[in-house]
Amino acid sequence: MGMDGVMVSEDEEPSGRYIVVKALEDGVVIMGLTRGKDTRSHHSERLDAGEVLVAQFTELTAAIKVRGKAEILTDVGKVASGL
């Protein structure tokens, strides 16, 4: 268990940085964007109204893009997208 209480495997370092995305409409898309010289999308999820995704920033994930009407909770506050 990591210092912040997050379970991690031996070969994985916890970042401790999470976001929570709650879809407020059908078809909200969340994309993980890579780190490095060329920023690219490496993963995407599609949520319907009421679905929630908890995402973590990692060595691979530098940014998370949300497309559609959603509520986003982070360690720095709450924001809304798609308004």
C-alpha atoms as a PDB file:
ATOM      1  CA  MET A   1       0.000   0.000   0.000  1.00  0.00           C
ATOM      2  CA  GLY A   2       1.327   3.430  -0.962  1.00  0.00           C
ATOM      3  CA  MET A   3       1.816   6.315   1.477  1.00  0.00           C
ATOM      4  CA  ASP A   4      -1.513   7.862   0.436  1.00  0.00           C
ATOM      5  CA  GLY A   5      -3.416   4.611   1.068  1.00  0.00           C
ATOM      6  CA  VAL A   6      -3.582   3.618  -2.611  1.00  0.00           C
ATOM      7  CA  MET A   7      -2.906  -0.047  -3.413  1.00  0.00           C
ATOM      8  CA  VAL A   8      -0.073  -0.445  -5.928  1.00  0.00           C
ATOM      9  CA  SER A   9       1.875  -3.373  -7.308  1.00  0.00           C
ATOM     10  CA  GLU A  10       5.628  -3.623  -6.758  1.00  0.00           C
ATOM     11  CA  ASP A  11       6.456  -2.391 -10.271  1.00  0.00           C
ATOM     12  CA  GLU A  12       4.023   0.533 -10.249  1.00  0.00           C
ATOM     13  CA  GLU A  13       4.547   3.931  -8.648  1.00  0.00           C
ATOM     14  CA  PRO A  14       1.425   5.744  -7.424  1.00  0.00           C
ATOM     15  CA  SER A  15       0.937   9.287  -8.683  1.00  0.00           C
ATOM     16  CA  GLY A  16      -1.762  10.122  -6.175  1.00  0.00           C
ATOM     17  CA  ARG A  17      -3.463  12.376  -8.750  1.00  0.00           C
ATOM     18  CA  TYR A  18      -6.979  11.332  -9.700  1.00  0.00           C
ATOM     19  CA  ILE A  19      -9.984  12.905 -11.370  1.00  0.00           C
ATOM     20  CA  VAL A  20     -13.606  11.831 -11.208  1.00  0.00           C
ATOM     21  CA  VAL A  21     -15.819  12.435 -14.258  1.00  0.00           C
ATOM     22  CA  LYS A  22     -19.608  12.144 -13.996  1.00  0.00           C
ATOM     23  CA  ALA A  23     -21.429  12.190 -17.338  1.00  0.00           C
ATOM     24  CA  LEU A  24     -24.413  14.541 -17.415  1.00  0.00           C
ATOM     25  CA  GLU A  25     -25.506  13.346 -20.879  1.00  0.00           C
ATOM     26  CA  ASP A  26     -25.089  10.256 -23.061  1.00  0.00           C
ATOM     27  CA  GLY A  27     -21.929  10.025 -25.150  1.00  0.00           C
ATOM     28  CA  VAL A  28     -19.390  11.862 -22.967  1.00  0.00           C
ATOM     29  CA  VAL A  29     -15.881  10.923 -24.151  1.00  0.00           C
ATOM     30  CA  ILE A  30     -12.821  10.859 -21.873  1.00  0.00           C
ATOM     31  CA  MET A  31      -9.396  10.566 -23.503  1.00  0.00           C
ATOM     32  CA  GLY A  32      -6.034   9.917 -21.865  1.00  0.00           C
ATOM     33  CA  LEU A  33      -3.183  11.816 -23.551  1.00  0.00           C
ATOM     34  CA  THR A  34       0.436  10.644 -23.485  1.00  0.00           C
ATOM     35  CA  ARG A  35       3.528  12.346 -22.125  1.00  0.00           C
ATOM     36  CA  GLY A  36       6.635  12.976 -24.165  1.00  0.00           C
ATOM     37  CA  LYS A  37       7.742  14.665 -27.350  1.00  0.00           C
ATOM     38  CA  ASP A  38       4.531  13.830 -29.253  1.00  0.00           C
ATOM     39  CA  THR A  39       1.281  14.062 -27.301  1.00  0.00           C
ATOM     40  CA  ARG A  40      -1.211  11.444 -28.505  1.00  0.00           C
ATOM     41  CA  SER A  41      -4.427   9.869 -27.329  1.00  0.00           C
ATOM     42  CA  HIS A  42      -3.665   6.458 -25.793  1.00  0.00           C
ATOM     43  CA  HIS A  43      -7.031   5.489 -24.323  1.00  0.00           C
ATOM     44  CA  SER A  44     -10.647   6.619 -24.502  1.00  0.00           C
ATOM     45  CA  GLU A  45     -13.876   5.792 -22.720  1.00  0.00           C
ATOM     46  CA  ARG A  46     -17.447   6.689 -23.593  1.00  0.00           C
ATOM     47  CA  LEU A  47     -19.910   7.321 -20.761  1.00  0.00           C
ATOM     48  CA  ASP A  48     -23.685   7.592 -20.709  1.00  0.00           C
ATOM     49  CA  ALA A  49     -25.628   9.945 -18.425  1.00  0.00           C
ATOM     50  CA  GLY A  50     -25.061   9.119 -14.768  1.00  0.00           C
ATOM     51  CA  GLU A  51     -21.982   6.960 -15.338  1.00  0.00           C
ATOM     52  CA  VAL A  52     -18.828   7.833 -13.412  1.00  0.00           C
ATOM     53  CA  LEU A  53     -15.179   7.267 -14.328  1.00  0.00           C
ATOM     54  CA  VAL A  54     -12.280   7.570 -11.881  1.00  0.00           C
ATOM     55  CA  ALA A  55      -9.022   8.198 -13.767  1.00  0.00           C
ATOM     56  CA  GLN A  56      -5.427   8.443 -12.546  1.00  0.00           C
ATOM     57  CA  PHE A  57      -2.520  10.416 -13.952  1.00  0.00           C
ATOM     58  CA  THR A  58       0.408   8.026 -14.499  1.00  0.00           C
ATOM     59  CA  GLU A  59       3.850   7.913 -16.116  1.00  0.00           C
ATOM     60  CA  LEU A  60       2.050   7.433 -19.447  1.00  0.00           C
ATOM     61  CA  THR A  61      -0.904   9.801 -18.901  1.00  0.00           C
ATOM     62  CA  ALA A  62      -0.037  13.511 -18.846  1.00  0.00           C
ATOM     63  CA  ALA A  63      -3.480  14.931 -19.578  1.00  0.00           C
ATOM     64  CA  ILE A  64      -7.101  13.872 -19.647  1.00  0.00           C
ATOM     65  CA  LYS A  65      -9.547  15.417 -22.119  1.00  0.00           C
ATOM     66  CA  VAL A  66     -13.309  15.412 -21.530  1.00  0.00           C
ATOM     67  CA  ARG A  67     -15.715  15.994 -24.429  1.00  0.00           C
ATOM     68  CA  GLY A  68     -19.401  16.481 -23.611  1.00  0.00           C
ATOM     69  CA  LYS A  69     -21.473  17.650 -20.675  1.00  0.00           C
ATOM     70  CA  ALA A  70     -19.872  16.358 -17.481  1.00  0.00           C
ATOM     71  CA  GLU A  71     -18.995  17.225 -13.913  1.00  0.00           C
ATOM     72  CA  ILE A  72     -15.272  16.853 -13.160  1.00  0.00           C
ATOM     73  CA  LEU A  73     -13.829  16.621  -9.651  1.00  0.00           C
ATOM     74  CA  THR A  74     -10.095  17.080  -9.058  1.00  0.00           C
ATOM     75  CA  ASP A  75      -7.847  17.744  -6.085  1.00  0.00           C
ATOM     76  CA  VAL A  76      -7.951  21.454  -7.021  1.00  0.00           C
ATOM     77  CA  GLY A  77     -11.726  21.761  -7.310  1.00  0.00           C
ATOM     78  CA  LYS A  78     -14.829  21.027  -9.348  1.00  0.00           C
ATOM     79  CA  VAL A  79     -15.464  22.086 -12.944  1.00  0.00           C
ATOM     80  CA  ALA A  80     -18.119  21.426 -15.579  1.00  0.00           C
ATOM     81  CA  SER A  81     -17.543  20.715 -19.262  1.00  0.00           C
ATOM     82  CA  GLY A  82     -19.802  21.044 -22.282  1.00  0.00           C
ATOM     83  CA  LEU A  83     -21.910  23.906 -20.990  1.00  0.00           C
END
